[in-house]
Amino acid sequence: MDNIRKIIHVDMDAFYASVEQLDNPDLVGKPVAVGGNRERGVVAAASYEARKYGVRSAMSGKMAALKCPHLIFVRPRFERYKEISNQIREIFFEYTDLVEPLSLDEAFLDVTENKFQNPSATLLAKEIREKIKLKTGLNASAGISYNKFLAKTASDINKPNGQAVILPKEAEAFLEKLPIEKFFGIGKVTAEKMKKFGIHQGKDLKEYSLQFLTKKFGKSGLHFYNIVRGIHMSEVQPNRERKSISAENTFEKDLPTQAEWEDALKGVFEELMRRIEKTGIKGRTITLKIKYKDFTLQTRSKSFDQYPDKEKIWETVLELLNQERLTDAVRLFGIGISNLNLLEEKIHFGKQLWFEFEDF
């Protein structure tokens, strides 16, 4: 492959928790959870010290406290996180205008043609991480490859405070050894379904035909067929328009009762509210996503003329839950808002652009 792109995925290390430790030295080296408390709420982020005990984002505060009894809970400060995120983004734009933010703490950069005319994406990533550390005091990890999926996968390899590159010639062998749950677009539920077919690693997935994958996984089958072969043609989109905001959770055990459904939905709802508060975005359509234990998927939606507030959203979620009787035990709930208060601009996806270079 002579003509390929150079993509960097930069991912801040335990961003919210690291900001709290930066601003409060008493928290350094201690297990910290941002968001939630010992009785209720949802963890928005966990420090690496907390992760050693199994504390993860989107986990209930009650469960997090059980896993780590000496866990320190702090209230999220999204304005502070946005402030530092903007500083980091300014660094990105010093190198390229092709920046696609995924959230406050991660972004894709296309540095195939960059403002420093540096042919080495690896050296650029190292420079960017050093500048972030100098300007903010925070650590970032990075992944470098020829497409977004591989770059994002690479950024996890040497976390925290590291980077990794997946060269074109290494991609096939790397993907064959990659555990199936590490593939982009393959969540816990899909991974479990694949394992029933004997698909545990990329090499197993590669043995199945496009026809089989499409039959078993619908439209996602084509995506799975491509990514295991290192094919992911999505370009870095600096003007990507958000169409919706959502949160969902797959449960450790299937939930059969009304009380369990409402309790589980409350956790998903609180995570959605956190994301809405973080972005300041509102939506006129509320959607409830239900996945049953047999993987059957159902969605229920309701739209409003005005943007509903927090209380109205929760009221609507319960209304959608009880709109008609659920047919089985539930393994996943998701809540989303769409018809956002953003100017909808049509995105034109142009032809794939390729550039020649020698070094990564």
Protein backbone atom coordinates (compact mmCIF):
# COMPACT_ATOMS: atom_id res chain seq x y z
CA MET A 1 0.00 0.00 0.00
CA ASP A 2 1.92 3.05 -1.25
CA ASN A 3 -0.72 5.76 -0.94
CA ILE A 4 -2.22 6.10 2.52
CA ARG A 5 -3.26 8.69 5.01
CA LYS A 6 -1.69 9.53 8.37
CA ILE A 7 -4.23 9.69 11.17
CA ILE A 8 -3.53 10.46 14.84
CA HIS A 9 -6.04 9.69 17.58
CA VAL A 10 -5.29 11.68 20.74
CA ASP A 11 -7.00 10.51 23.92
CA MET A 12 -6.53 12.23 27.27
CA ASP A 13 -5.79 9.88 30.15
CA ALA A 14 -8.67 9.67 32.68
CA PHE A 15 -9.44 13.26 31.71
CA TYR A 16 -12.05 14.42 34.24
CA ALA A 17 -10.39 12.63 37.13
CA SER A 18 -6.95 13.87 36.08
CA VAL A 19 -8.21 17.47 36.00
CA GLU A 20 -9.54 17.05 39.54
CA GLN A 21 -6.19 15.66 40.69
CA LEU A 22 -4.39 18.50 38.90
CA ASP A 23 -6.45 21.16 40.63
CA ASN A 24 -6.45 19.42 44.03
CA PRO A 25 -3.05 17.88 44.85
CA ASP A 26 -4.61 16.10 47.85
CA LEU A 27 -6.30 13.77 45.35
CA VAL A 28 -3.07 12.76 43.58
CA GLY A 29 -2.39 9.04 43.88
CA LYS A 30 -5.82 8.34 45.35
CA PRO A 31 -8.85 6.55 43.84
CA VAL A 32 -11.16 9.28 42.53
CA ALA A 33 -14.60 9.06 40.92
CA VAL A 34 -16.06 12.08 39.19
CA GLY A 35 -19.85 12.11 39.49
CA GLY A 36 -22.24 10.04 41.56
CA ASN A 37 -21.98 9.23 45.26
CA ARG A 38 -22.13 6.20 47.54
CA GLU A 39 -25.89 5.99 47.41
CA ARG A 40 -26.88 6.95 43.89
CA GLY A 41 -25.83 8.56 40.62
CA VAL A 42 -23.43 7.43 37.92
CA VAL A 43 -19.65 7.65 37.73
CA ALA A 44 -18.64 9.94 34.85
CA ALA A 45 -14.92 9.14 35.09
CA ALA A 46 -12.51 7.23 37.30
CA SER A 47 -8.84 7.81 38.05
CA TYR A 48 -6.39 5.03 37.25
CA GLU A 49 -6.06 4.36 40.96
CA ALA A 50 -9.82 3.70 41.08
CA ARG A 51 -9.76 1.59 37.93
CA LYS A 52 -7.47 -0.89 39.66
CA TYR A 53 -10.46 -1.79 41.83
CA GLY A 54 -12.76 -2.21 38.84
CA VAL A 55 -14.39 1.23 38.99
CA ARG A 56 -15.46 2.37 35.53
CA SER A 57 -17.38 5.21 33.91
CA ALA A 58 -21.16 4.69 33.64
CA MET A 59 -21.04 2.47 36.74
CA SER A 60 -23.49 3.29 39.52
CA GLY A 61 -21.95 5.16 42.43
CA LYS A 62 -23.23 2.50 44.80
CA MET A 63 -21.47 -0.29 42.88
CA ALA A 64 -18.27 1.78 42.61
CA ALA A 65 -18.23 2.29 46.38
CA LEU A 66 -18.64 -1.46 46.93
CA LYS A 67 -15.69 -2.19 44.65
CA CYS A 68 -13.52 0.49 46.26
CA PRO A 69 -14.63 1.37 49.82
CA HIS A 70 -12.13 4.25 50.13
CA LEU A 71 -13.19 5.79 46.79
CA ILE A 72 -13.32 9.60 46.81
CA PHE A 73 -16.32 11.08 44.98
CA VAL A 74 -16.08 14.59 43.54
CA ARG A 75 -18.67 16.67 41.75
CA PRO A 76 -18.04 17.18 38.01
CA ARG A 77 -17.00 20.67 36.85
CA PHE A 78 -17.78 20.67 33.15
CA GLU A 79 -16.89 24.31 32.61
CA ARG A 80 -13.38 23.56 33.83
CA TYR A 81 -13.13 20.50 31.59
CA LYS A 82 -14.31 22.57 28.60
CA GLU A 83 -11.72 25.23 29.39
CA ILE A 84 -8.86 22.73 29.29
CA SER A 85 -10.35 20.93 26.29
CA ASN A 86 -10.26 24.21 24.35
CA GLN A 87 -6.60 24.66 25.24
CA ILE A 88 -5.86 21.17 23.93
CA ARG A 89 -7.83 21.81 20.75
CA GLU A 90 -5.79 24.96 20.09
CA ILE A 91 -2.68 22.76 20.07
CA PHE A 92 -4.28 20.42 17.53
CA PHE A 93 -4.99 23.31 15.16
CA GLU A 94 -1.34 24.34 15.27
CA TYR A 95 -0.67 21.18 13.27
CA THR A 96 -3.70 20.70 11.02
CA ASP A 97 -7.17 22.07 10.31
CA LEU A 98 -8.46 18.52 9.85
CA VAL A 99 -9.46 17.94 13.46
CA GLU A 100 -12.51 15.84 14.37
CA PRO A 101 -13.35 16.10 18.09
CA LEU A 102 -15.15 13.05 19.45
CA SER A 103 -15.65 14.50 22.93
CA LEU A 104 -13.92 16.91 25.29
CA ASP A 105 -11.03 14.49 25.77
CA GLU A 106 -10.35 12.87 22.39
CA ALA A 107 -10.03 13.74 18.72
CA PHE A 108 -8.82 12.53 15.35
CA LEU A 109 -6.22 14.53 13.43
CA ASP A 110 -5.39 14.00 9.77
CA VAL A 111 -1.73 15.03 9.49
CA THR A 112 -1.05 13.63 6.03
CA GLU A 113 -0.47 17.21 4.97
CA ASN A 114 0.33 19.26 8.06
CA LYS A 115 1.33 22.83 8.82
CA PHE A 116 4.87 21.83 9.80
CA GLN A 117 5.36 19.71 6.66
CA ASN A 118 6.67 16.95 8.89
CA PRO A 119 6.42 13.57 7.15
CA SER A 120 6.44 11.62 10.45
CA ALA A 121 3.05 11.29 12.13
CA THR A 122 4.78 9.45 14.98
CA LEU A 123 7.00 12.44 15.77
CA LEU A 124 4.05 14.82 15.42
CA ALA A 125 2.04 12.79 17.92
CA LYS A 126 4.96 12.88 20.37
CA GLU A 127 5.24 16.67 19.95
CA ILE A 128 1.51 17.17 20.45
CA ARG A 129 1.51 15.09 23.64
CA GLU A 130 4.49 17.04 24.99
CA LYS A 131 2.78 20.36 24.24
CA ILE A 132 -0.40 19.22 25.98
CA LYS A 133 1.63 18.25 29.05
CA LEU A 134 3.49 21.57 29.06
CA LYS A 135 0.35 23.68 28.59
CA THR A 136 -2.12 21.82 30.80
CA GLY A 137 -0.08 19.56 33.07
CA LEU A 138 -2.07 16.55 31.85
CA ASN A 139 -1.01 13.35 30.12
CA ALA A 140 -2.34 12.22 26.75
CA SER A 141 -1.98 8.99 24.82
CA ALA A 142 -1.97 8.70 21.04
CA GLY A 143 -2.43 6.16 18.31
CA ILE A 144 -1.14 6.52 14.77
CA SER A 145 -2.20 4.61 11.67
CA TYR A 146 -3.64 4.92 8.18
CA ASN A 147 -7.31 4.98 9.17
CA LYS A 148 -9.42 6.15 12.10
CA PHE A 149 -10.30 2.71 13.45
CA LEU A 150 -6.69 1.56 13.67
CA ALA A 151 -5.52 4.90 15.10
CA LYS A 152 -8.16 4.73 17.84
CA THR A 153 -7.26 1.12 18.57
CA ALA A 154 -3.55 2.01 18.74
CA SER A 155 -4.13 4.80 21.29
CA ASP A 156 -5.14 2.18 23.87
CA ILE A 157 -2.05 0.01 23.46
CA ASN A 158 0.37 2.00 25.63
CA LYS A 159 -2.03 3.89 27.88
CA PRO A 160 -1.53 5.85 30.03
CA ASN A 161 0.90 8.48 28.76
CA GLY A 162 2.13 6.54 25.76
CA GLN A 163 1.64 6.10 22.06
CA ALA A 164 1.70 3.36 19.47
CA VAL A 165 1.73 3.10 15.70
CA ILE A 166 0.16 0.44 13.51
CA LEU A 167 1.94 0.45 10.16
CA PRO A 168 0.11 -0.64 6.99
CA LYS A 169 2.33 -3.72 6.68
CA GLU A 170 1.57 -4.68 10.30
CA ALA A 171 -2.19 -4.12 10.23
CA GLU A 172 -3.31 -7.53 8.99
CA ALA A 173 -1.30 -9.50 11.54
CA PHE A 174 -2.28 -7.10 14.31
CA LEU A 175 -6.00 -7.39 13.54
CA GLU A 176 -5.87 -11.18 13.37
CA LYS A 177 -4.63 -11.31 16.98
CA LEU A 178 -6.94 -8.57 18.29
CA PRO A 179 -9.65 -9.79 20.74
CA ILE A 180 -13.05 -9.35 19.13
CA GLU A 181 -14.35 -7.01 21.84
CA LYS A 182 -11.55 -4.55 20.99
CA PHE A 183 -12.91 -3.96 17.48
CA PHE A 184 -14.66 -0.66 16.83
CA GLY A 185 -18.41 -1.15 16.72
CA ILE A 186 -18.35 -4.48 18.57
CA GLY A 187 -19.78 -4.03 22.04
CA LYS A 188 -20.16 -6.52 24.85
CA VAL A 189 -23.42 -8.00 23.59
CA THR A 190 -22.26 -8.37 19.98
CA ALA A 191 -18.98 -9.86 21.17
CA GLU A 192 -20.85 -12.50 23.17
CA LYS A 193 -23.00 -13.31 20.16
CA MET A 194 -19.90 -13.67 17.99
CA LYS A 195 -18.25 -15.97 20.50
CA LYS A 196 -21.18 -18.37 20.09
CA PHE A 197 -20.00 -18.75 16.48
CA GLY A 198 -16.42 -19.34 17.63
CA ILE A 199 -15.33 -15.79 16.85
CA HIS A 200 -12.86 -14.78 19.57
CA GLN A 201 -10.17 -12.92 17.61
CA GLY A 202 -9.84 -11.11 14.31
CA LYS A 203 -8.55 -14.25 12.59
CA ASP A 204 -11.80 -16.01 13.50
CA LEU A 205 -13.93 -13.17 12.19
CA LYS A 206 -11.96 -13.14 8.96
CA GLU A 207 -13.00 -16.71 8.21
CA TYR A 208 -16.67 -15.74 7.81
CA SER A 209 -18.10 -14.49 4.53
CA LEU A 210 -19.80 -11.15 3.99
CA GLN A 211 -23.03 -13.03 3.31
CA PHE A 212 -22.88 -14.81 6.68
CA LEU A 213 -22.04 -11.65 8.64
CA THR A 214 -24.80 -9.66 6.96
CA LYS A 215 -27.31 -12.41 7.66
CA LYS A 216 -26.38 -12.66 11.33
CA PHE A 217 -25.60 -9.00 12.10
CA GLY A 218 -27.59 -7.01 9.54
CA LYS A 219 -26.07 -3.82 8.14
CA SER A 220 -23.23 -4.03 10.65
CA GLY A 221 -22.03 -7.18 8.91
CA LEU A 222 -20.36 -5.16 6.14
CA HIS A 223 -18.58 -3.02 8.72
CA PHE A 224 -17.28 -6.10 10.55
CA TYR A 225 -16.18 -7.68 7.25
CA ASN A 226 -14.20 -4.55 6.34
CA ILE A 227 -12.55 -3.58 9.60
CA VAL A 228 -11.00 -7.00 10.19
CA ARG A 229 -9.27 -6.46 6.83
CA GLY A 230 -8.08 -2.99 7.85
CA ILE A 231 -10.63 -1.22 5.67
CA HIS A 232 -12.23 1.86 7.24
CA MET A 233 -12.68 4.64 4.71
CA SER A 234 -14.30 7.26 6.95
CA GLU A 235 -12.41 10.54 6.63
CA VAL A 236 -11.56 12.91 9.45
CA GLN A 237 -14.58 15.22 9.47
CA PRO A 238 -13.76 18.65 10.98
CA ASN A 239 -17.36 19.85 10.51
CA ARG A 240 -19.17 16.74 11.63
CA GLU A 241 -22.68 17.64 12.75
CA ARG A 242 -24.07 15.91 15.80
CA LYS A 243 -27.49 14.39 15.11
CA SER A 244 -28.31 13.02 18.54
CA ILE A 245 -27.09 12.51 22.09
CA SER A 246 -27.67 9.22 23.84
CA ALA A 247 -26.60 6.92 26.63
CA GLU A 248 -27.16 3.21 27.06
CA ASN A 249 -26.19 0.35 29.33
CA THR A 250 -26.00 -3.42 28.83
CA PHE A 251 -26.74 -5.15 32.12
CA GLU A 252 -24.76 -7.95 33.73
CA LYS A 253 -27.97 -9.97 34.05
CA ASP A 254 -31.29 -9.71 32.23
CA LEU A 255 -33.89 -7.62 34.06
CA PRO A 256 -37.39 -9.15 34.27
CA THR A 257 -39.36 -6.77 36.54
CA GLN A 258 -40.84 -3.27 36.37
CA ALA A 259 -38.94 -2.13 39.47
CA GLU A 260 -35.62 -3.27 37.96
CA TRP A 261 -36.44 -1.56 34.65
CA GLU A 262 -37.14 1.79 36.29
CA ASP A 263 -34.06 1.56 38.50
CA ALA A 264 -31.84 0.70 35.52
CA LEU A 265 -33.37 3.45 33.41
CA LYS A 266 -32.62 5.99 36.12
CA GLY A 267 -28.91 5.27 35.80
CA VAL A 268 -29.00 5.58 32.00
CA PHE A 269 -31.04 8.79 32.30
CA GLU A 270 -28.52 10.37 34.68
CA GLU A 271 -25.68 9.54 32.28
CA LEU A 272 -27.64 11.13 29.43
CA MET A 273 -28.24 14.26 31.54
CA ARG A 274 -24.51 14.46 32.21
CA ARG A 275 -23.80 14.42 28.49
CA ILE A 276 -26.52 16.97 27.77
CA GLU A 277 -25.16 19.27 30.48
CA LYS A 278 -21.67 18.87 29.09
CA THR A 279 -22.69 19.95 25.58
CA GLY A 280 -25.50 22.38 26.34
CA ILE A 281 -27.53 20.77 23.56
CA LYS A 282 -31.30 20.27 23.69
CA GLY A 283 -33.55 17.96 21.67
CA ARG A 284 -37.25 17.82 20.81
CA THR A 285 -37.46 14.04 20.25
CA ILE A 286 -36.94 11.51 23.03
CA THR A 287 -36.23 7.89 22.15
CA LEU A 288 -36.22 4.83 24.37
CA LYS A 289 -34.19 1.87 23.11
CA ILE A 290 -34.95 -1.60 24.46
CA LYS A 291 -32.98 -4.75 23.73
CA TYR A 292 -34.46 -7.99 25.03
CA LYS A 293 -32.56 -11.07 26.19
CA ASP A 294 -33.06 -12.68 22.75
CA PHE A 295 -31.35 -9.60 21.17
CA THR A 296 -34.65 -8.34 19.72
CA LEU A 297 -34.43 -4.54 19.47
CA GLN A 298 -37.31 -2.12 19.94
CA THR A 299 -37.42 1.70 19.94
CA ARG A 300 -40.16 4.03 21.13
CA SER A 301 -40.12 7.79 20.49
CA LYS A 302 -42.05 10.94 21.27
CA SER A 303 -41.54 14.45 19.86
CA PHE A 304 -42.41 17.87 21.26
CA ASP A 305 -42.91 21.34 19.78
CA GLN A 306 -40.64 22.80 22.46
CA TYR A 307 -37.43 21.47 23.99
CA PRO A 308 -38.37 19.47 27.11
CA ASP A 309 -36.54 20.07 30.39
CA LYS A 310 -34.94 17.40 32.56
CA GLU A 311 -38.12 16.55 34.45
CA LYS A 312 -40.15 16.28 31.24
CA ILE A 313 -37.56 14.01 29.65
CA TRP A 314 -37.68 11.60 32.60
CA GLU A 315 -41.47 11.70 32.63
CA THR A 316 -41.47 10.87 28.92
CA VAL A 317 -38.99 8.01 29.37
CA LEU A 318 -41.35 6.39 31.88
CA GLU A 319 -44.29 7.04 29.57
CA LEU A 320 -42.47 5.31 26.71
CA LEU A 321 -41.52 2.42 29.00
CA ASN A 322 -45.17 1.88 29.89
CA GLN A 323 -46.54 2.65 26.43
CA GLU A 324 -47.05 -1.06 25.93
CA ARG A 325 -46.07 -4.12 27.91
CA LEU A 326 -42.48 -5.29 27.47
CA THR A 327 -42.38 -8.73 25.91
CA ASP A 328 -39.37 -10.24 27.70
CA ALA A 329 -36.54 -9.66 30.16
CA VAL A 330 -34.38 -6.68 29.20
CA ARG A 331 -30.60 -6.82 28.61
CA LEU A 332 -30.09 -3.21 27.45
CA PHE A 333 -31.74 0.19 27.83
CA GLY A 334 -30.80 3.29 25.89
CA ILE A 335 -32.19 6.83 26.02
CA GLY A 336 -31.50 9.46 23.38
CA ILE A 337 -32.55 12.91 22.23
CA SER A 338 -32.63 14.09 18.64
CA ASN A 339 -34.06 17.00 16.59
CA LEU A 340 -31.39 19.05 18.31
CA ASN A 341 -31.12 22.81 18.69
CA LEU A 342 -28.37 22.94 16.10
CA LEU A 343 -28.32 24.22 12.55
CA GLU A 344 -28.60 21.09 10.43
CA GLU A 345 -26.07 21.28 7.66
CA LYS A 346 -25.77 18.64 5.03
CA ILE A 347 -22.34 17.03 5.06
CA HIS A 348 -20.88 16.19 1.69
CA PHE A 349 -18.56 13.23 1.72
CA GLY A 350 -16.08 13.66 -1.07
CA LYS A 351 -13.95 11.13 -2.83
CA GLN A 352 -11.24 9.50 -0.74
CA LEU A 353 -8.01 11.51 -0.95
CA TRP A 354 -4.71 9.66 -0.91
CA PHE A 355 -1.20 11.05 -0.57
CA GLU A 356 2.17 9.43 -1.06
CA PHE A 357 4.74 9.32 1.72
CA GLU A 358 7.49 7.07 2.95
CA ASP A 359 7.61 7.34 6.75
CA PHE A 360 5.08 7.03 9.51
